[in-house]
Amino acid sequence: MSGLADRVEALQRAARIIDRRPGRFVLGMLLCAAALSLPLFLLALLSEAAPAWRSLNSGPEIAVFLKIGSPERELDGLRSRLTATDGVVGVRIIPREEAYADLRKRLGLQVSPDDLRSNPLPDALVARFAMTVEPATVERAAAAVRNWPSVDTVQADLDWFRRLVVLNRAARVTALTVGALATALVVIGLAVGILAAVRLRRDEAELLWLVGAEPSFMGRPYAYVGALSAAGGAILAVAVVALGYTAVEPQWIAAAQLLGLPRARLQVPLGLALGFIVVAGVLGRVVGGLSARRQLRDLFQI
């Protein structure tokens, strides 16, 4: 029998195994779905939240105030130097007229040409750093900028950023620990679900053994049963997560509106769903095949 014909025959036998024991197969599929729903929910949520987080992501800033009366070319030169500074992702100029007009507006005062002529505020530049930089990098940059020509003062409020860095590191360690534990539980749950569906029939196995069938031939249908059970569980998990998002979506939209983020519909990305189903099917085939081999080894001492 050719390799393709052998696999077609194994797939047909897998269908007969499922037909004879539908309850066991459904139970295994439900157990797989229960094990896969939570990680899929988190993966899909992270994939949807990542663009919004990147748009919200704002690193530390330093404000550079020039000496009053500095020529405009100095402002442009300082902007170029700041843009080239390590870790800086953006520089914006705040002209003294704009800063003064904004200040008077905040105070509820009218701005007249005479007021602008008596403007005591200097030109300023604000350099924004990436969220991934270390506080020490920002401090070194601020110290270096203080010595540049035409720079009067530099302000860098890094207390909040230092706290954020510490919290971020703690969150990463916690996430890795919880993720490792969750992965172990998912693997155990997935294995239990597949093993519930993969159970050799002793009489059929003995008959095949008597006619000289190879262990690989006898075990392959059960590997397929494991693959179908896990893939079916993954499909159910996708459906469960999609339904769960209907409950989460109103809160998600409200949070996006509050933070000024683009309104996006929560959904499981098609690519992620297909990849999840394929990976689950492959894992199911591996676990189902290993389970069948172990049962054959115990049965025939091979």
Protein backbone atom coordinates (compact mmCIF):
# COMPACT_ATOMS: atom_id res chain seq x y z
CA MET A 1 0.00 0.00 0.00
CA SER A 2 1.40 3.39 -1.00
CA GLY A 3 2.01 6.16 1.51
CA LEU A 4 -0.97 8.21 0.34
CA ALA A 5 -3.31 5.21 0.27
CA ASP A 6 -2.06 4.22 3.71
CA ARG A 7 -2.95 7.64 5.11
CA VAL A 8 -6.35 7.68 3.40
CA GLU A 9 -7.09 4.29 4.93
CA ALA A 10 -5.94 5.56 8.33
CA LEU A 11 -8.20 8.59 8.00
CA GLN A 12 -11.17 6.36 7.15
CA ARG A 13 -10.43 4.18 10.17
CA ALA A 14 -10.21 7.32 12.31
CA ALA A 15 -13.69 8.30 11.09
CA ARG A 16 -15.00 4.85 12.06
CA ILE A 17 -13.38 5.14 15.50
CA ILE A 18 -15.11 8.47 16.06
CA ASP A 19 -18.41 7.06 14.77
CA ARG A 20 -18.21 4.15 17.23
CA ARG A 21 -17.32 6.39 20.18
CA PRO A 22 -18.85 9.81 19.51
CA GLY A 23 -19.29 10.61 23.19
CA ARG A 24 -15.59 10.08 23.96
CA PHE A 25 -14.58 12.17 20.95
CA VAL A 26 -16.93 15.03 21.89
CA LEU A 27 -15.68 14.92 25.48
CA GLY A 28 -12.09 15.16 24.30
CA MET A 29 -12.95 18.03 21.98
CA LEU A 30 -14.71 19.94 24.79
CA LEU A 31 -11.74 19.43 27.11
CA CYS A 32 -9.41 20.75 24.40
CA ALA A 33 -11.68 23.76 23.84
CA ALA A 34 -11.70 24.52 27.57
CA ALA A 35 -7.89 24.35 27.68
CA LEU A 36 -7.41 26.52 24.58
CA SER A 37 -10.03 29.23 25.13
CA LEU A 38 -8.11 31.29 27.69
CA PRO A 39 -4.77 31.47 25.82
CA LEU A 40 -6.58 32.29 22.58
CA PHE A 41 -8.56 35.02 24.31
CA LEU A 42 -5.37 36.59 25.67
CA LEU A 43 -3.47 36.25 22.37
CA ALA A 44 -6.30 37.82 20.38
CA LEU A 45 -6.72 40.61 22.93
CA LEU A 46 -2.98 41.39 22.85
CA SER A 47 -2.93 41.42 19.06
CA GLU A 48 -5.82 43.89 19.02
CA ALA A 49 -4.45 46.03 21.88
CA ALA A 50 -0.87 46.29 20.57
CA PRO A 51 -1.57 49.01 17.93
CA ALA A 52 -3.55 51.08 20.45
CA TRP A 53 -0.79 50.71 23.04
CA ARG A 54 1.85 51.81 20.54
CA SER A 55 -0.20 54.89 19.66
CA LEU A 56 -0.62 55.68 23.37
CA ASN A 57 3.01 54.93 24.17
CA SER A 58 4.77 58.13 25.25
CA GLY A 59 8.22 58.11 26.75
CA PRO A 60 9.96 60.62 29.02
CA GLU A 61 10.59 64.16 27.84
CA ILE A 62 13.13 66.88 28.51
CA ALA A 63 12.31 70.56 28.06
CA VAL A 64 15.12 72.76 26.77
CA PHE A 65 14.74 76.52 27.33
CA LEU A 66 16.91 78.87 25.29
CA LYS A 67 18.37 82.11 26.41
CA ILE A 68 16.07 85.01 25.57
CA GLY A 69 17.23 86.72 22.40
CA SER A 70 18.82 83.62 20.87
CA PRO A 71 18.67 83.79 17.05
CA GLU A 72 16.31 81.50 15.16
CA ARG A 73 19.18 79.61 13.53
CA GLU A 74 20.26 78.49 17.02
CA LEU A 75 16.78 77.04 17.54
CA ASP A 76 16.99 75.03 14.33
CA GLY A 77 20.51 73.86 15.12
CA LEU A 78 19.52 72.69 18.59
CA ARG A 79 16.56 70.82 17.16
CA SER A 80 18.86 68.97 14.78
CA ARG A 81 21.27 68.07 17.58
CA LEU A 82 18.44 66.90 19.84
CA THR A 83 16.96 64.77 17.06
CA ALA A 84 20.32 63.02 16.68
CA THR A 85 20.61 62.35 20.43
CA ASP A 86 20.52 58.68 21.46
CA GLY A 87 17.01 57.55 22.39
CA VAL A 88 15.16 60.62 21.10
CA VAL A 89 12.20 59.79 18.88
CA GLY A 90 10.77 63.26 18.38
CA VAL A 91 11.48 66.95 18.95
CA ARG A 92 8.98 69.78 18.83
CA ILE A 93 9.63 73.49 18.98
CA ILE A 94 7.51 75.77 21.18
CA PRO A 95 8.06 79.39 20.06
CA ARG A 96 7.98 81.96 22.83
CA GLU A 97 4.96 83.71 21.26
CA GLU A 98 2.99 80.47 21.20
CA ALA A 99 3.91 79.65 24.79
CA TYR A 100 2.96 83.11 26.02
CA ALA A 101 -0.34 83.11 24.14
CA ASP A 102 -1.18 79.70 25.55
CA LEU A 103 -0.29 80.82 29.08
CA ARG A 104 -2.54 83.90 28.89
CA LYS A 105 -5.33 81.81 27.41
CA ARG A 106 -5.10 79.36 30.30
CA LEU A 107 -5.31 82.31 32.69
CA GLY A 108 -8.34 83.66 30.85
CA LEU A 109 -6.54 86.81 29.64
CA GLN A 110 -6.73 88.44 26.25
CA VAL A 111 -3.57 88.60 24.13
CA SER A 112 -2.66 91.91 22.53
CA PRO A 113 0.34 92.90 20.38
CA ASP A 114 1.73 94.90 23.31
CA ASP A 115 1.59 91.79 25.48
CA LEU A 116 3.54 89.79 22.92
CA ARG A 117 6.24 92.49 22.79
CA SER A 118 6.65 92.25 26.55
CA ASN A 119 6.73 88.45 26.46
CA PRO A 120 9.13 87.23 29.19
CA LEU A 121 9.12 83.57 28.06
CA PRO A 122 11.97 81.99 26.07
CA ASP A 123 11.81 79.70 23.06
CA ALA A 124 11.75 76.06 24.05
CA LEU A 125 12.24 72.61 22.60
CA VAL A 126 10.72 69.41 23.95
CA ALA A 127 12.54 66.15 23.17
CA ARG A 128 10.58 62.93 23.61
CA PHE A 129 12.42 59.68 24.25
CA ALA A 130 11.38 56.13 23.49
CA MET A 131 9.68 54.17 26.26
CA THR A 132 12.44 51.56 26.04
CA VAL A 133 15.26 53.87 27.15
CA GLU A 134 16.74 53.72 30.62
CA PRO A 135 16.34 56.71 32.95
CA ALA A 136 20.14 57.03 33.05
CA THR A 137 20.18 57.61 29.28
CA VAL A 138 17.75 60.53 29.64
CA GLU A 139 19.75 61.97 32.53
CA ARG A 140 22.99 61.85 30.52
CA ALA A 141 21.29 63.53 27.58
CA ALA A 142 19.88 66.28 29.82
CA ALA A 143 23.30 66.87 31.39
CA ALA A 144 24.95 67.13 27.97
CA VAL A 145 22.30 69.54 26.62
CA ARG A 146 22.81 71.91 29.55
CA ASN A 147 26.31 72.64 28.23
CA TRP A 148 25.19 73.46 24.69
CA PRO A 149 25.46 77.07 23.48
CA SER A 150 22.34 79.25 23.85
CA VAL A 151 20.77 76.81 26.33
CA ASP A 152 19.56 78.46 29.52
CA THR A 153 17.94 75.63 31.48
CA VAL A 154 16.90 72.01 30.98
CA GLN A 155 14.07 70.33 32.86
CA ALA A 156 13.66 66.57 33.07
CA ASP A 157 10.98 65.12 35.36
CA LEU A 158 11.90 61.44 35.53
CA ASP A 159 10.35 60.36 38.84
CA TRP A 160 7.22 59.01 37.18
CA PHE A 161 9.30 57.26 34.52
CA ARG A 162 11.54 55.56 37.10
CA ARG A 163 8.45 54.23 38.86
CA LEU A 164 7.03 53.08 35.54
CA VAL A 165 10.25 51.23 34.68
CA VAL A 166 10.19 49.40 38.03
CA LEU A 167 6.51 48.51 37.61
CA ASN A 168 7.14 47.39 34.03
CA ARG A 169 9.93 45.05 35.11
CA ALA A 170 7.80 43.62 37.91
CA ALA A 171 4.90 43.16 35.47
CA ARG A 172 7.15 41.36 32.98
CA VAL A 173 8.48 38.94 35.59
CA THR A 174 4.95 38.32 36.86
CA ALA A 175 3.64 37.83 33.31
CA LEU A 176 6.41 35.36 32.49
CA THR A 177 5.73 33.39 35.66
CA VAL A 178 1.98 33.35 35.16
CA GLY A 179 2.47 32.58 31.47
CA ALA A 180 4.68 29.59 32.26
CA LEU A 181 2.14 28.24 34.75
CA ALA A 182 -0.73 28.86 32.33
CA THR A 183 1.17 27.14 29.53
CA ALA A 184 1.73 24.10 31.72
CA LEU A 185 -1.96 23.98 32.59
CA VAL A 186 -2.94 24.39 28.93
CA VAL A 187 -0.60 21.58 27.86
CA ILE A 188 -1.97 19.32 30.60
CA GLY A 189 -5.56 20.17 29.71
CA LEU A 190 -4.91 19.64 26.02
CA ALA A 191 -3.21 16.30 26.67
CA VAL A 192 -6.10 15.17 28.89
CA GLY A 193 -8.59 16.10 26.19
CA ILE A 194 -6.69 14.25 23.48
CA LEU A 195 -6.12 11.19 25.65
CA ALA A 196 -9.83 11.10 26.42
CA ALA A 197 -10.52 10.74 22.69
CA VAL A 198 -7.66 8.33 21.92
CA ARG A 199 -8.35 4.90 23.38
CA LEU A 200 -7.38 1.76 21.53
CA ARG A 201 -9.87 -1.04 21.05
CA ARG A 202 -8.16 -4.18 22.29
CA ASP A 203 -9.98 -6.59 19.97
CA GLU A 204 -9.24 -4.53 16.86
CA ALA A 205 -5.61 -4.06 17.83
CA GLU A 206 -5.13 -7.79 18.46
CA LEU A 207 -6.71 -8.66 15.09
CA LEU A 208 -4.43 -6.26 13.24
CA TRP A 209 -1.44 -7.60 15.14
CA LEU A 210 -2.31 -11.16 14.14
CA VAL A 211 -2.43 -10.26 10.43
CA GLY A 212 1.01 -8.66 10.69
CA ALA A 213 0.15 -4.96 10.76
CA GLU A 214 2.98 -2.63 11.74
CA PRO A 215 2.60 -0.61 14.97
CA SER A 216 2.78 2.61 12.94
CA PHE A 217 -0.15 1.42 10.80
CA MET A 218 -2.20 0.52 13.88
CA GLY A 219 -1.47 3.77 15.69
CA ARG A 220 -1.87 6.24 12.83
CA PRO A 221 -5.72 6.40 12.96
CA TYR A 222 -5.56 7.30 16.64
CA ALA A 223 -3.04 10.02 15.86
CA TYR A 224 -5.58 11.40 13.40
CA VAL A 225 -8.31 11.16 16.03
CA GLY A 226 -6.10 13.19 18.36
CA ALA A 227 -5.51 15.77 15.61
CA LEU A 228 -9.22 16.06 14.84
CA SER A 229 -10.08 16.30 18.53
CA ALA A 230 -7.57 19.09 19.17
CA ALA A 231 -8.40 20.98 15.96
CA GLY A 232 -12.12 20.69 16.72
CA GLY A 233 -11.45 21.99 20.24
CA ALA A 234 -9.52 24.91 18.76
CA ILE A 235 -12.46 25.74 16.47
CA LEU A 236 -14.78 25.68 19.46
CA ALA A 237 -12.33 27.89 21.36
CA VAL A 238 -12.40 30.44 18.52
CA ALA A 239 -16.20 30.48 18.68
CA VAL A 240 -16.19 30.83 22.49
CA VAL A 241 -13.70 33.72 22.36
CA ALA A 242 -15.69 35.45 19.61
CA LEU A 243 -18.81 35.23 21.79
CA GLY A 244 -16.85 36.40 24.83
CA TYR A 245 -15.73 39.49 22.96
CA THR A 246 -19.35 40.56 22.57
CA ALA A 247 -19.41 41.08 26.35
CA VAL A 248 -16.01 42.81 26.48
CA GLU A 249 -16.40 45.05 23.43
CA PRO A 250 -18.59 47.81 24.99
CA GLN A 251 -16.04 48.35 27.78
CA TRP A 252 -13.22 48.25 25.22
CA ILE A 253 -14.89 50.95 23.10
CA ALA A 254 -15.56 53.11 26.18
CA ALA A 255 -11.90 52.86 27.24
CA ALA A 256 -10.73 53.74 23.71
CA GLN A 257 -12.97 56.82 23.65
CA LEU A 258 -11.74 57.91 27.07
CA LEU A 259 -8.10 57.62 26.01
CA GLY A 260 -8.67 59.15 22.59
CA LEU A 261 -7.67 55.97 20.76
CA PRO A 262 -9.06 54.74 17.44
CA ARG A 263 -12.27 52.77 17.83
CA ALA A 264 -11.61 49.17 16.84
CA ARG A 265 -13.87 46.14 16.86
CA LEU A 266 -12.68 43.31 19.05
CA GLN A 267 -12.33 40.14 17.04
CA VAL A 268 -10.09 37.13 16.61
CA PRO A 269 -7.80 37.87 13.63
CA LEU A 270 -8.32 35.33 10.86
CA GLY A 271 -4.62 34.56 10.57
CA LEU A 272 -4.32 33.96 14.30
CA ALA A 273 -7.40 31.72 14.33
CA LEU A 274 -6.18 29.58 11.43
CA GLY A 275 -2.68 29.31 12.87
CA PHE A 276 -4.11 28.39 16.26
CA ILE A 277 -6.23 25.61 14.75
CA VAL A 278 -3.33 24.23 12.72
CA VAL A 279 -0.95 24.23 15.70
CA ALA A 280 -3.57 22.55 17.88
CA GLY A 281 -4.12 19.90 15.21
CA VAL A 282 -0.39 19.18 14.95
CA LEU A 283 -0.06 18.92 18.72
CA GLY A 284 -3.10 16.66 18.81
CA ARG A 285 -1.57 14.38 16.20
CA VAL A 286 1.69 14.13 18.13
CA VAL A 287 0.03 13.46 21.48
CA GLY A 288 -2.46 11.03 19.92
CA GLY A 289 0.32 9.13 18.17
CA LEU A 290 2.41 8.91 21.35
CA SER A 291 -0.61 7.70 23.33
CA ALA A 292 -1.36 5.01 20.74
CA ARG A 293 2.26 3.82 20.76
CA ARG A 294 2.27 3.59 24.54
CA GLN A 295 -0.95 1.57 24.55
CA LEU A 296 0.37 -0.76 21.84
CA ARG A 297 3.61 -1.21 23.75
CA ASP A 298 1.72 -2.10 26.93
CA LEU A 299 -0.59 -4.44 25.04
CA PHE A 300 1.96 -6.36 22.98
CA GLN A 301 5.17 -5.68 24.94
CA ILE A 302 6.89 -4.14 21.89
